[in-house]
């Protein structure tokens, strides 16, 4: 197959020059003559062209205009231009170079000079092209790096970049004691719901601008790690946490948003720079969780008690899978009594963990951990099945049963098979849907109202009674009541605690009970512990009572005995 050589385009030259160039470059290039700019462009479009050579003494077109147009044509950016001049035509050579030619030679062409100059032109152009490509590549990489490292909304470092740069900063300054400050905005989701996402973004950007002004980038770092969470890494001797919180309040107050927006902070003083930065941030976050939701205390420092808590959480996470397989979890049943008959009318299944080394671990420790890491979904399903097994056992023993309620944590509503799983459970144990009550918390509604409404409709179509747990504990309770069909309201125990001292609390509780009656719903009051509380509630209506006054949560066998004694 004949080898196809790349071309040198020759424009406006005579036959003698063409013959000379063919003789000079016969081993490397094909010489192609063109008579116009259009003809030149047409050839370039379909062929490999190395150089365009233009004769300044051309008779059939304006050579200078030709050079100018080619140099400005985007299609020719990768092809250098050379000029052929008459001997002594310095002015023409200068003008050609000004218009975009890279080199020139005189006629008649000298073999050595022309080969040398074409080679130089191609080498120079190649170097320039490489530089341009490198510049473009560097710019692209810089933009990509910036996209990876910088949060587009606030201009602060993203999480992973912050971790790396904070580690570099602390190792570069080993004699400086640093503080990690983890900040969170109270009820930020509420702000987005009540106003609009643009309002939330204004708050985030204003916060970021404050940090950029307040923190010297030479000695400290700031990051937006997610949503409304920010982390700082600054020398401890520059941290004035009271002033930081105060100035953040002022920064947000200037935005004139008609909602009380508060910042909370957790602080970890770095004592060991070999500790991974993500663990330092976890400790600051743990300190923050200690006071989150308070209105008086706005910040907390990580201390030994929090370290113990962290170690306990690590143990919980380490052992949770084996504990489930090893049957270390079990259910307790807390009886629920009717206020008028004082009889057990239902129960709630509550999980307990009996650890072989630590003994009984309180749900107050492990449930929040499991809600954060997602294990709560598996634990809930264990509780549901254990409850169904208990009900089946009662029926097989020829005993009567009362419905038992189980919690459906919010993460379950992201499981595509939630309804199918529950339906299969009642089929597996051959129990009626009314025997298994499903308790739904407010957090599930605030996460995804539409999805929750759809699933609750499916629950009720099957025949599961649905309870709204902790009614009155959050801002969405009335929205839930308006938009979702519940069978029972479980009134938050905070109301019950107050009714002995507060007439206002009694009025509110009475109103809730009356509202539930109007809507055709039952009521369970949680946390009843004293005779006085019971008397007040009994006077308010026919409601159900759950609390230590009647019974704490009981092991299943103890509950069976209590229930059997009542029936006998």
Protein backbone atom coordinates (compact mmCIF):
# COMPACT_ATOMS: atom_id res chain seq x y z
CA UNK A 1 0.00 0.00 0.00
CA UNK A 2 1.41 3.39 -1.05
CA UNK A 3 2.37 5.62 1.87
CA UNK A 4 0.34 8.87 2.01
CA UNK A 5 2.57 11.84 2.92
CA UNK A 6 1.29 14.89 4.81
CA UNK A 7 0.97 18.04 2.71
CA UNK A 8 2.56 21.46 2.49
CA UNK A 9 0.09 23.89 0.92
CA UNK A 10 1.64 26.35 -1.50
CA UNK A 11 -0.38 29.46 -2.37
CA UNK A 12 0.39 31.97 -5.15
CA UNK A 13 3.84 30.65 -6.16
CA UNK A 14 5.07 29.87 -9.71
CA UNK A 15 6.04 26.50 -11.15
CA UNK A 16 9.73 27.00 -10.40
CA UNK A 17 9.15 27.42 -6.66
CA UNK A 18 6.79 24.46 -6.62
CA UNK A 19 9.42 22.32 -8.35
CA UNK A 20 12.09 23.49 -5.91
CA UNK A 21 9.91 22.66 -2.88
CA UNK A 22 8.97 19.26 -4.32
CA UNK A 23 12.65 18.52 -4.78
CA UNK A 24 13.46 19.66 -1.22
CA UNK A 25 10.59 17.79 0.50
CA UNK A 26 9.97 14.81 -1.78
CA UNK A 27 10.84 12.39 1.03
CA UNK A 28 8.59 14.02 3.66
CA UNK A 29 5.70 16.04 2.23
CA UNK A 30 3.42 16.36 -0.76
CA UNK A 31 3.30 19.87 -2.22
CA UNK A 32 -0.26 21.01 -2.98
CA UNK A 33 -0.97 24.27 -4.83
CA UNK A 34 -4.06 26.39 -4.13
CA UNK A 35 -5.23 29.61 -5.72
CA UNK A 36 -7.66 30.95 -3.12
CA UNK A 37 -8.52 30.94 0.55
CA UNK A 38 -11.63 28.81 -0.08
CA UNK A 39 -9.62 26.23 -1.98
CA UNK A 40 -7.09 26.17 0.83
CA UNK A 41 -9.78 25.59 3.47
CA UNK A 42 -11.45 22.86 1.42
CA UNK A 43 -8.22 20.92 1.14
CA UNK A 44 -7.37 21.34 4.82
CA UNK A 45 -10.81 19.98 5.78
CA UNK A 46 -10.05 16.52 4.45
CA UNK A 47 -6.28 16.14 4.53
CA UNK A 48 -3.27 16.18 6.82
CA UNK A 49 -1.60 19.57 6.32
CA UNK A 50 1.58 20.59 8.15
CA UNK A 51 2.30 24.13 6.88
CA UNK A 52 0.64 26.71 4.61
CA UNK A 53 3.27 28.59 2.52
CA UNK A 54 2.11 31.87 0.95
CA UNK A 55 4.05 33.74 -1.75
CA UNK A 56 3.93 37.50 -1.06
CA UNK A 57 4.45 38.19 -4.73
CA UNK A 58 1.33 36.24 -5.81
CA UNK A 59 -0.40 37.70 -8.86
CA UNK A 60 -3.85 36.13 -8.46
CA UNK A 61 -4.79 37.27 -4.89
CA UNK A 62 -3.78 39.65 -2.10
CA UNK A 63 -1.17 37.59 -0.20
CA UNK A 64 -1.31 39.75 2.93
CA UNK A 65 -5.11 39.51 3.16
CA UNK A 66 -4.78 35.79 2.56
CA UNK A 67 -2.35 35.42 5.50
CA UNK A 68 -4.49 37.60 7.75
CA UNK A 69 -7.67 35.62 7.03
CA UNK A 70 -5.98 32.27 7.51
CA UNK A 71 -4.39 33.35 10.79
CA UNK A 72 -7.77 34.47 12.15
CA UNK A 73 -9.64 31.35 10.98
CA UNK A 74 -10.55 29.03 13.86
CA UNK A 75 -10.18 26.00 11.59
CA UNK A 76 -6.48 26.79 11.04
CA UNK A 77 -5.36 27.24 14.67
CA UNK A 78 -3.27 24.08 14.47
CA UNK A 79 -1.52 24.87 11.14
CA UNK A 80 1.39 27.37 11.02
CA UNK A 81 1.82 29.86 8.13
CA UNK A 82 5.08 30.74 6.35
CA UNK A 83 5.78 33.42 3.74
CA UNK A 84 7.99 33.42 0.62
CA UNK A 85 9.50 36.86 -0.09
CA UNK A 86 11.67 38.42 -2.74
CA UNK A 87 15.26 38.93 -1.72
CA UNK A 88 15.55 42.15 0.30
CA UNK A 89 11.79 42.54 0.92
CA UNK A 90 12.20 43.17 4.65
CA UNK A 91 9.05 45.28 4.81
CA UNK A 92 6.94 42.49 3.31
CA UNK A 93 8.45 39.94 5.68
CA UNK A 94 7.74 42.16 8.67
CA UNK A 95 4.15 42.73 7.62
CA UNK A 96 3.56 39.02 7.03
CA UNK A 97 4.85 38.22 10.50
CA UNK A 98 2.62 40.91 11.99
CA UNK A 99 -0.41 39.41 10.25
CA UNK A 100 0.19 35.92 11.60
CA UNK A 101 2.98 34.21 9.65
CA UNK A 102 5.48 32.37 11.88
CA UNK A 103 8.49 32.35 9.52
CA UNK A 104 9.63 33.32 6.02
CA UNK A 105 12.29 32.45 3.42
CA UNK A 106 13.41 34.07 0.14
CA UNK A 107 13.17 32.83 -3.42
CA UNK A 108 14.72 30.91 -4.92
CA UNK A 109 14.53 28.65 -1.85
CA UNK A 110 17.75 27.25 -0.43
CA UNK A 111 17.38 23.55 0.39
CA UNK A 112 19.22 23.75 3.71
CA UNK A 113 17.55 26.97 4.87
CA UNK A 114 14.01 25.97 3.88
CA UNK A 115 14.22 22.51 5.48
CA UNK A 116 15.70 24.05 8.59
CA UNK A 117 13.04 26.78 8.87
CA UNK A 118 10.10 24.45 8.20
CA UNK A 119 11.47 22.12 10.85
CA UNK A 120 11.82 25.04 13.30
CA UNK A 121 8.32 26.30 12.56
CA UNK A 122 6.83 22.89 13.20
CA UNK A 123 8.88 22.48 16.38
CA UNK A 124 7.93 25.92 17.65
CA UNK A 125 4.31 25.36 16.80
CA UNK A 126 4.32 21.96 18.47
CA UNK A 127 5.83 23.49 21.61
CA UNK A 128 3.23 26.24 21.56
CA UNK A 129 0.44 23.70 21.06
CA UNK A 130 1.74 21.64 23.96
CA UNK A 131 1.89 24.75 26.14
CA UNK A 132 -1.66 25.67 25.17
CA UNK A 133 -2.87 22.13 25.82
CA UNK A 134 -1.09 22.12 29.17
CA UNK A 135 -2.63 25.48 30.05
CA UNK A 136 -6.08 24.21 29.13
CA UNK A 137 -5.46 20.97 31.01
CA UNK A 138 -4.14 22.79 34.05
CA UNK A 139 -7.13 25.11 33.99
CA UNK A 140 -9.51 22.15 33.70
CA UNK A 141 -7.76 20.30 36.51
CA UNK A 142 -7.82 23.42 38.66
CA UNK A 143 -11.55 23.83 38.02
CA UNK A 144 -12.13 20.14 38.71
CA UNK A 145 -10.06 20.31 41.88
CA UNK A 146 -11.96 23.39 42.96
CA UNK A 147 -15.26 21.60 42.30
CA UNK A 148 -14.12 18.61 44.35
CA UNK A 149 -12.70 20.66 47.22
CA UNK A 150 -15.03 23.66 47.48
CA UNK A 151 -18.71 23.73 48.36
CA UNK A 152 -20.38 25.57 45.48
CA UNK A 153 -22.97 27.34 47.65
CA UNK A 154 -20.74 28.73 50.39
CA UNK A 155 -17.22 28.66 48.94
CA UNK A 156 -15.96 26.76 52.00
CA UNK A 157 -14.05 23.49 51.97
CA UNK A 158 -16.00 20.27 51.61
CA UNK A 159 -15.71 17.58 54.28
CA UNK A 160 -12.91 15.40 52.84
CA UNK A 161 -10.80 18.39 51.83
CA UNK A 162 -11.19 19.86 55.31
CA UNK A 163 -10.05 16.60 56.89
CA UNK A 164 -6.89 16.53 54.76
CA UNK A 165 -6.01 20.20 55.13
CA UNK A 166 -6.70 20.21 58.88
CA UNK A 167 -4.37 17.22 59.32
CA UNK A 168 -1.68 18.98 57.23
CA UNK A 169 -2.12 22.19 59.24
CA UNK A 170 -1.80 20.49 62.62
CA UNK A 171 1.22 18.40 61.59
CA UNK A 172 2.91 21.48 60.16
CA UNK A 173 2.45 23.24 63.52
CA UNK A 174 2.96 20.51 66.14
CA UNK A 175 3.49 22.98 68.98
CA UNK A 176 0.16 24.75 68.42
CA UNK A 177 -2.91 23.43 70.27
CA UNK A 178 -5.91 23.44 67.95
CA UNK A 179 -9.65 23.42 68.61
CA UNK A 180 -12.21 21.68 66.40
CA UNK A 181 -15.54 23.52 66.53
CA UNK A 182 -18.63 21.75 65.15
CA UNK A 183 -21.59 24.10 64.56
CA UNK A 184 -25.23 23.44 63.76
CA UNK A 185 -28.23 25.70 63.14
CA UNK A 186 -31.31 24.98 65.23
CA UNK A 187 -34.39 23.79 63.33
CA UNK A 188 -32.85 24.49 59.93
CA UNK A 189 -35.28 22.12 58.22
CA UNK A 190 -38.12 24.11 59.77
CA UNK A 191 -36.72 27.27 58.19
CA UNK A 192 -36.69 25.65 54.75
CA UNK A 193 -40.23 24.35 55.28
CA UNK A 194 -41.70 27.59 56.64
CA UNK A 195 -39.99 29.92 54.21
CA UNK A 196 -38.16 28.60 51.15
CA UNK A 197 -34.89 26.97 50.26
CA UNK A 198 -33.59 30.36 49.10
CA UNK A 199 -33.99 31.67 52.64
CA UNK A 200 -32.03 28.72 53.99
CA UNK A 201 -29.33 29.35 51.39
CA UNK A 202 -29.10 33.01 52.43
CA UNK A 203 -28.43 31.88 56.00
CA UNK A 204 -25.77 29.39 54.90
CA UNK A 205 -24.00 31.93 52.68
CA UNK A 206 -24.10 34.63 55.35
CA UNK A 207 -22.63 32.17 57.85
CA UNK A 208 -19.85 31.24 55.42
CA UNK A 209 -19.03 34.89 54.73
CA UNK A 210 -18.73 35.51 58.47
CA UNK A 211 -16.29 32.61 58.84
CA UNK A 212 -14.22 33.89 55.91
CA UNK A 213 -13.91 37.27 57.63
CA UNK A 214 -13.41 35.95 61.15
CA UNK A 215 -10.86 33.20 60.51
CA UNK A 216 -7.40 33.99 59.22
CA UNK A 217 -6.80 31.43 56.43
CA UNK A 218 -3.10 31.40 57.32
CA UNK A 219 -3.79 29.82 60.71
CA UNK A 220 -7.27 28.26 60.51
CA UNK A 221 -9.75 26.43 58.29
CA UNK A 222 -13.51 26.33 57.91
CA UNK A 223 -15.79 23.87 56.16
CA UNK A 224 -19.42 23.24 55.38
CA UNK A 225 -19.62 19.49 55.82
CA UNK A 226 -23.31 18.98 55.05
CA UNK A 227 -26.65 20.78 55.18
CA UNK A 228 -26.38 23.33 58.03
CA UNK A 229 -23.29 21.81 59.68
CA UNK A 230 -20.01 23.73 59.75
CA UNK A 231 -16.62 22.77 61.19
CA UNK A 232 -13.72 25.03 62.14
CA UNK A 233 -10.10 24.17 62.91
CA UNK A 234 -8.38 27.07 64.65
CA UNK A 235 -5.68 27.57 67.27
CA UNK A 236 -7.17 27.24 70.73
CA UNK A 237 -5.73 30.58 71.87
CA UNK A 238 -7.67 32.38 69.10
CA UNK A 239 -11.02 30.77 70.01
CA UNK A 240 -13.49 32.91 71.92
CA UNK A 241 -16.58 30.73 71.69
CA UNK A 242 -18.91 33.25 73.35
CA UNK A 243 -17.92 35.95 70.86
CA UNK A 244 -18.18 33.50 67.96
CA UNK A 245 -21.76 32.55 68.86
CA UNK A 246 -22.69 36.19 69.53
CA UNK A 247 -21.29 37.45 66.21
CA UNK A 248 -23.04 34.63 64.33
CA UNK A 249 -26.32 35.72 65.94
CA UNK A 250 -25.71 39.31 64.79
CA UNK A 251 -24.79 38.13 61.27
CA UNK A 252 -28.06 36.22 60.89
CA UNK A 253 -30.17 38.90 62.64
CA UNK A 254 -29.18 41.38 59.91
CA UNK A 255 -30.95 39.14 57.33
CA UNK A 256 -34.32 40.11 58.92
CA UNK A 257 -35.78 36.60 58.84
CA UNK A 258 -38.86 36.34 61.05
CA UNK A 259 -37.72 33.24 62.88
CA UNK A 260 -35.47 32.70 65.86
CA UNK A 261 -32.30 31.20 64.36
CA UNK A 262 -29.76 29.91 66.86
CA UNK A 263 -26.32 28.37 66.45
CA UNK A 264 -25.08 25.60 68.69
CA UNK A 265 -21.48 24.43 68.92
CA UNK A 266 -19.47 21.50 70.19
CA UNK A 267 -15.75 22.00 70.85
CA UNK A 268 -12.97 19.42 70.94
CA UNK A 269 -9.51 20.54 72.06
CA UNK A 270 -6.96 18.49 70.14
CA UNK A 271 -4.55 16.73 72.48
CA UNK A 272 -3.22 14.17 70.01
CA UNK A 273 -2.66 15.23 66.39
CA UNK A 274 -2.14 11.60 65.34
CA UNK A 275 -5.88 11.04 65.86
CA UNK A 276 -7.71 11.05 62.49
CA UNK A 277 -9.45 14.37 61.89
CA UNK A 278 -12.80 12.69 61.27
CA UNK A 279 -12.64 11.28 64.81
CA UNK A 280 -11.78 14.74 66.17
CA UNK A 281 -14.89 16.06 64.41
CA UNK A 282 -16.97 13.19 65.81
CA UNK A 283 -15.92 14.22 69.31
CA UNK A 284 -16.85 17.85 68.67
CA UNK A 285 -20.17 16.66 67.23
CA UNK A 286 -20.75 14.52 70.32
CA UNK A 287 -20.26 17.59 72.50
CA UNK A 288 -22.75 19.46 70.32
CA UNK A 289 -25.38 16.73 70.69
CA UNK A 290 -25.07 17.04 74.45
CA UNK A 291 -26.67 20.51 74.41
CA UNK A 292 -28.56 20.59 71.09
CA UNK A 293 -32.12 21.81 71.65
CA UNK A 294 -31.26 23.83 74.76
CA UNK A 295 -31.96 27.54 74.66
CA UNK A 296 -29.70 28.66 77.47
CA UNK A 297 -26.59 26.56 76.82
CA UNK A 298 -25.30 27.20 73.32
CA UNK A 299 -22.02 25.30 73.34
CA UNK A 300 -20.29 22.43 75.10
CA UNK A 301 -16.77 21.01 75.28
CA UNK A 302 -15.88 17.38 74.78
CA UNK A 303 -14.81 15.81 78.08
CA UNK A 304 -14.13 12.48 79.76
CA UNK A 305 -17.82 11.67 80.23
CA UNK A 306 -18.39 12.12 76.52
CA UNK A 307 -15.38 9.93 75.83
CA UNK A 308 -16.98 7.19 77.90
CA UNK A 309 -20.16 7.65 75.94
CA UNK A 310 -18.24 7.44 72.67
CA UNK A 311 -16.52 4.23 73.77
CA UNK A 312 -19.88 2.80 74.73
CA UNK A 313 -21.28 3.73 71.32
CA UNK A 314 -18.31 2.06 69.65
CA UNK A 315 -18.98 -1.09 71.69
CA UNK A 316 -22.65 -0.95 70.67
CA UNK A 317 -21.80 -0.70 66.99
CA UNK A 318 -19.12 -3.39 67.27
CA UNK A 319 -21.45 -5.90 68.93
CA UNK A 320 -24.83 -5.15 67.34
CA UNK A 321 -24.75 -7.71 64.49
CA UNK A 322 -23.63 -10.57 66.70
CA UNK A 323 -26.09 -9.53 69.40
CA UNK A 324 -28.99 -9.92 66.97
CA UNK A 325 -27.77 -13.35 65.83
CA UNK A 326 -27.06 -14.41 69.44
CA UNK A 327 -30.58 -13.51 70.65
CA UNK A 328 -29.27 -10.91 73.07
CA UNK A 329 -32.22 -8.67 72.19
CA UNK A 330 -35.63 -9.45 73.62
CA UNK A 331 -38.97 -7.70 73.95
CA UNK A 332 -40.61 -6.42 77.12
CA UNK A 333 -44.32 -5.57 77.19
CA UNK A 334 -45.71 -2.53 78.98
CA UNK A 335 -49.42 -2.88 79.76
CA UNK A 336 -51.81 -0.11 78.74
CA UNK A 337 -54.91 0.30 80.92
CA UNK A 338 -58.28 1.90 80.31
CA UNK A 339 -58.83 4.88 82.61
CA UNK A 340 -62.42 3.89 83.43
CA UNK A 341 -62.25 0.09 83.78
CA UNK A 342 -58.64 -0.06 85.03
CA UNK A 343 -58.22 -3.16 82.84
CA UNK A 344 -55.39 -3.99 80.42
CA UNK A 345 -56.64 -3.13 76.94
CA UNK A 346 -53.37 -3.26 75.01
CA UNK A 347 -49.61 -3.24 75.42
CA UNK A 348 -46.51 -1.79 73.84
CA UNK A 349 -43.54 -3.96 72.81
CA UNK A 350 -40.23 -2.40 73.84
CA UNK A 351 -36.82 -3.82 73.00
CA UNK A 352 -34.20 -4.67 75.62
CA UNK A 353 -30.57 -5.70 75.12
CA UNK A 354 -28.96 -8.12 77.58
CA UNK A 355 -25.24 -7.98 76.81
CA UNK A 356 -23.17 -10.93 78.09
CA UNK A 357 -20.52 -8.61 79.55
CA UNK A 358 -22.23 -5.25 80.10
CA UNK A 359 -25.54 -6.55 81.35
CA UNK A 360 -28.75 -4.81 80.31
CA UNK A 361 -28.02 -1.85 78.03
CA UNK A 362 -30.63 0.90 78.15
CA UNK A 363 -32.53 1.61 74.93
CA UNK A 364 -31.65 5.25 75.59
CA UNK A 365 -28.08 4.33 74.65
CA UNK A 366 -28.45 1.97 71.74
CA UNK A 367 -31.62 3.14 69.95
CA UNK A 368 -30.22 6.60 68.98
CA UNK A 369 -27.03 4.91 67.73
CA UNK A 370 -29.03 2.46 65.64
CA UNK A 371 -31.19 5.26 64.25
CA UNK A 372 -28.04 7.02 63.07
CA UNK A 373 -26.37 4.00 61.49
CA UNK A 374 -29.51 2.36 60.06
CA UNK A 375 -29.43 -0.82 62.17
CA UNK A 376 -32.78 0.23 63.66
CA UNK A 377 -34.50 -1.17 60.55
CA UNK A 378 -33.26 -4.70 61.32
CA UNK A 379 -33.97 -4.31 65.03
CA UNK A 380 -37.52 -3.10 64.39
CA UNK A 381 -38.20 -6.15 62.26
CA UNK A 382 -36.90 -8.37 65.04
CA UNK A 383 -39.33 -6.68 67.48
CA UNK A 384 -42.25 -7.02 65.06
CA UNK A 385 -41.64 -10.72 64.59
CA UNK A 386 -41.10 -11.35 68.32
CA UNK A 387 -44.42 -9.60 68.98
CA UNK A 388 -46.23 -11.69 66.38
CA UNK A 389 -44.68 -14.83 67.86
CA UNK A 390 -45.95 -13.81 71.32
CA UNK A 391 -49.47 -13.23 70.00
CA UNK A 392 -49.45 -16.57 68.19
CA UNK A 393 -48.32 -18.28 71.38
CA UNK A 394 -51.21 -16.76 73.34
CA UNK A 395 -53.70 -17.92 70.75
CA UNK A 396 -52.21 -21.41 70.61
CA UNK A 397 -52.51 -21.60 74.40
CA UNK A 398 -56.22 -20.80 74.10
CA UNK A 399 -55.86 -17.44 75.80
CA UNK A 400 -57.37 -14.12 74.88
CA UNK A 401 -55.14 -11.42 73.49
CA UNK A 402 -55.00 -7.65 73.51
CA UNK A 403 -53.40 -5.74 70.61
CA UNK A 404 -49.73 -4.94 70.97
CA UNK A 405 -48.23 -1.80 69.49
CA UNK A 406 -44.75 -1.70 67.93
CA UNK A 407 -42.66 1.24 66.83
CA UNK A 408 -42.04 1.84 63.14
CA UNK A 409 -38.91 4.00 63.07
CA UNK A 410 -38.67 6.58 60.32
CA UNK A 411 -35.91 4.76 58.41
CA UNK A 412 -38.31 1.88 57.77
CA UNK A 413 -40.31 4.12 55.46
CA UNK A 414 -37.39 4.09 53.01
CA UNK A 415 -37.65 0.29 52.72
CA UNK A 416 -39.49 -0.68 49.53
CA UNK A 417 -40.78 -3.91 51.14
CA UNK A 418 -42.09 -2.45 54.42
CA UNK A 419 -45.78 -3.18 53.81
CA UNK A 420 -45.04 -6.58 52.25
CA UNK A 421 -42.85 -7.57 55.21
CA UNK A 422 -45.59 -6.75 57.75
CA UNK A 423 -48.25 -8.45 55.64
CA UNK A 424 -46.11 -11.59 55.39
CA UNK A 425 -45.58 -11.55 59.18
CA UNK A 426 -49.27 -11.70 60.03
CA UNK A 427 -49.74 -14.41 57.41
CA UNK A 428 -46.78 -16.40 58.77
CA UNK A 429 -48.12 -16.32 62.35
CA UNK A 430 -51.77 -16.43 61.31
CA UNK A 431 -52.84 -13.45 63.37
CA UNK A 432 -55.36 -10.72 62.64
CA UNK A 433 -54.04 -7.26 61.57
CA UNK A 434 -55.86 -5.56 64.48
CA UNK A 435 -53.61 -7.41 66.90
CA UNK A 436 -50.52 -5.50 65.72
CA UNK A 437 -50.68 -1.74 66.20
CA UNK A 438 -48.12 0.40 64.37
CA UNK A 439 -46.73 3.52 66.07
CA UNK A 440 -45.43 6.29 63.80
CA UNK A 441 -43.37 9.24 65.05
CA UNK A 442 -43.39 12.82 63.86
CA UNK A 443 -39.86 12.58 62.44
CA UNK A 444 -41.13 10.17 59.78
CA UNK A 445 -43.59 12.83 58.63
CA UNK A 446 -41.08 15.66 58.47
CA UNK A 447 -38.73 13.51 56.36
CA UNK A 448 -41.22 12.58 53.65
CA UNK A 449 -44.92 13.49 54.18
CA UNK A 450 -46.18 12.15 50.84
CA UNK A 451 -44.50 8.77 51.18
CA UNK A 452 -45.68 8.40 54.77
CA UNK A 453 -49.28 9.21 53.81
CA UNK A 454 -49.20 6.58 51.07
CA UNK A 455 -47.83 3.87 53.38
CA UNK A 456 -50.30 4.68 56.19
CA UNK A 457 -53.16 4.30 53.70
CA UNK A 458 -51.80 0.85 52.85
CA UNK A 459 -51.53 -0.04 56.55
CA UNK A 460 -55.16 0.87 57.12
CA UNK A 461 -56.35 -0.98 54.01
CA UNK A 462 -54.76 -4.14 55.41
CA UNK A 463 -56.36 -3.49 58.81
CA UNK A 464 -53.41 -2.43 60.97
CA UNK A 465 -54.38 0.20 63.59
CA UNK A 466 -52.02 3.18 63.25
CA UNK A 467 -50.96 5.30 66.24
CA UNK A 468 -49.40 8.75 66.20
CA UNK A 469 -46.66 8.59 68.81
CA UNK A 470 -45.50 11.52 70.96
CA UNK A 471 -48.32 13.82 69.83
CA UNK A 472 -47.53 17.42 70.70
CA UNK A 473 -43.77 17.01 70.91
CA UNK A 474 -42.96 18.86 67.67
CA UNK A 475 -44.15 21.53 65.29
CA UNK A 476 -45.64 19.16 62.69
CA UNK A 477 -48.08 17.32 64.96
CA UNK A 478 -51.17 19.22 63.80
CA UNK A 479 -50.08 18.90 60.18
CA UNK A 480 -49.84 15.15 60.65
CA UNK A 481 -53.24 15.10 62.27
CA UNK A 482 -54.72 17.10 59.40
CA UNK A 483 -53.15 15.13 56.58
CA UNK A 484 -52.99 11.56 57.90
CA UNK A 485 -55.65 9.16 59.17
CA UNK A 486 -54.65 7.83 62.59
CA UNK A 487 -56.63 5.54 64.86
CA UNK A 488 -55.02 6.58 68.15
CA UNK A 489 -53.11 9.58 69.50
CA UNK A 490 -50.36 8.85 72.01
CA UNK A 491 -49.99 12.09 73.95
CA UNK A 492 -46.42 13.08 74.75
CA UNK A 493 -45.56 12.48 78.39
CA UNK A 494 -44.43 16.11 78.76
CA UNK A 495 -48.11 17.12 79.05
CA UNK A 496 -48.74 14.53 81.75
CA UNK A 497 -45.75 15.66 83.82
CA UNK A 498 -47.16 19.19 83.97
CA UNK A 499 -50.82 18.60 84.72
CA UNK A 500 -50.35 18.44 88.51
CA UNK A 501 -48.84 21.94 88.62
CA UNK A 502 -50.23 23.66 85.53
CA UNK A 503 -53.83 24.48 84.83
CA UNK A 504 -52.79 25.45 81.34
CA UNK A 505 -51.31 21.98 80.72
CA UNK A 506 -54.56 20.40 81.97
CA UNK A 507 -56.60 22.52 79.59
CA UNK A 508 -54.39 21.62 76.67
CA UNK A 509 -54.58 17.91 77.48
CA UNK A 510 -58.36 18.10 77.85
CA UNK A 511 -58.59 19.86 74.48
CA UNK A 512 -56.46 17.16 72.82
CA UNK A 513 -58.71 14.44 74.22
CA UNK A 514 -61.84 16.27 73.02
CA UNK A 515 -60.26 16.84 69.59
CA UNK A 516 -59.41 13.15 69.27
CA UNK A 517 -62.98 12.23 70.20
CA UNK A 518 -64.32 14.63 67.54
CA UNK A 519 -62.06 12.97 64.96
CA UNK A 520 -63.05 9.47 66.02
CA UNK A 521 -59.67 8.58 67.48
CA UNK A 522 -58.65 6.94 70.71
CA UNK A 523 -56.12 8.49 73.11
CA UNK A 524 -53.25 6.97 75.07
CA UNK A 525 -51.55 9.17 77.67
CA UNK A 526 -47.95 8.18 78.28
CA UNK A 527 -45.87 8.62 81.41
CA UNK A 528 -48.61 8.45 84.05
CA UNK A 529 -46.81 7.90 87.37
CA UNK A 530 -48.96 9.30 90.21
CA UNK A 531 -52.49 8.95 91.54
CA UNK A 532 -53.09 12.66 91.01
CA UNK A 533 -52.16 12.44 87.35
CA UNK A 534 -54.43 9.44 86.93
CA UNK A 535 -57.33 11.23 88.62
CA UNK A 536 -57.03 14.28 86.39
CA UNK A 537 -56.89 12.16 83.24
CA UNK A 538 -59.75 9.89 84.32
CA UNK A 539 -61.94 12.94 84.84
CA UNK A 540 -61.14 14.14 81.31
CA UNK A 541 -62.66 11.17 79.52
CA UNK A 542 -62.46 7.56 78.44
CA UNK A 543 -58.76 7.29 77.56
CA UNK A 544 -56.04 4.68 77.91
CA UNK A 545 -53.16 4.98 80.36
CA UNK A 546 -49.56 3.91 79.96
CA UNK A 547 -47.00 4.50 82.66
CA UNK A 548 -45.28 3.37 85.81
CA UNK A 549 -48.33 4.05 87.96
CA UNK A 550 -49.84 0.81 86.66
CA UNK A 551 -46.76 -1.03 85.43
CA UNK A 552 -43.29 -0.67 84.09
CA UNK A 553 -42.32 -2.67 80.96
CA UNK A 554 -42.33 -6.36 81.88
CA UNK A 555 -40.61 -9.50 80.61
CA UNK A 556 -43.04 -11.45 78.44
CA UNK A 557 -43.64 -14.17 81.04
CA UNK A 558 -44.42 -11.57 83.72
CA UNK A 559 -46.84 -9.82 81.41
CA UNK A 560 -48.59 -13.13 80.72
CA UNK A 561 -49.05 -13.74 84.45
CA UNK A 562 -50.38 -10.20 85.00
CA UNK A 563 -52.80 -10.54 82.12
CA UNK A 564 -53.92 -14.02 83.24
CA UNK A 565 -54.56 -12.77 86.78
CA UNK A 566 -56.70 -9.94 85.43
CA UNK A 567 -58.77 -12.32 83.33
CA UNK A 568 -59.22 -14.81 86.15
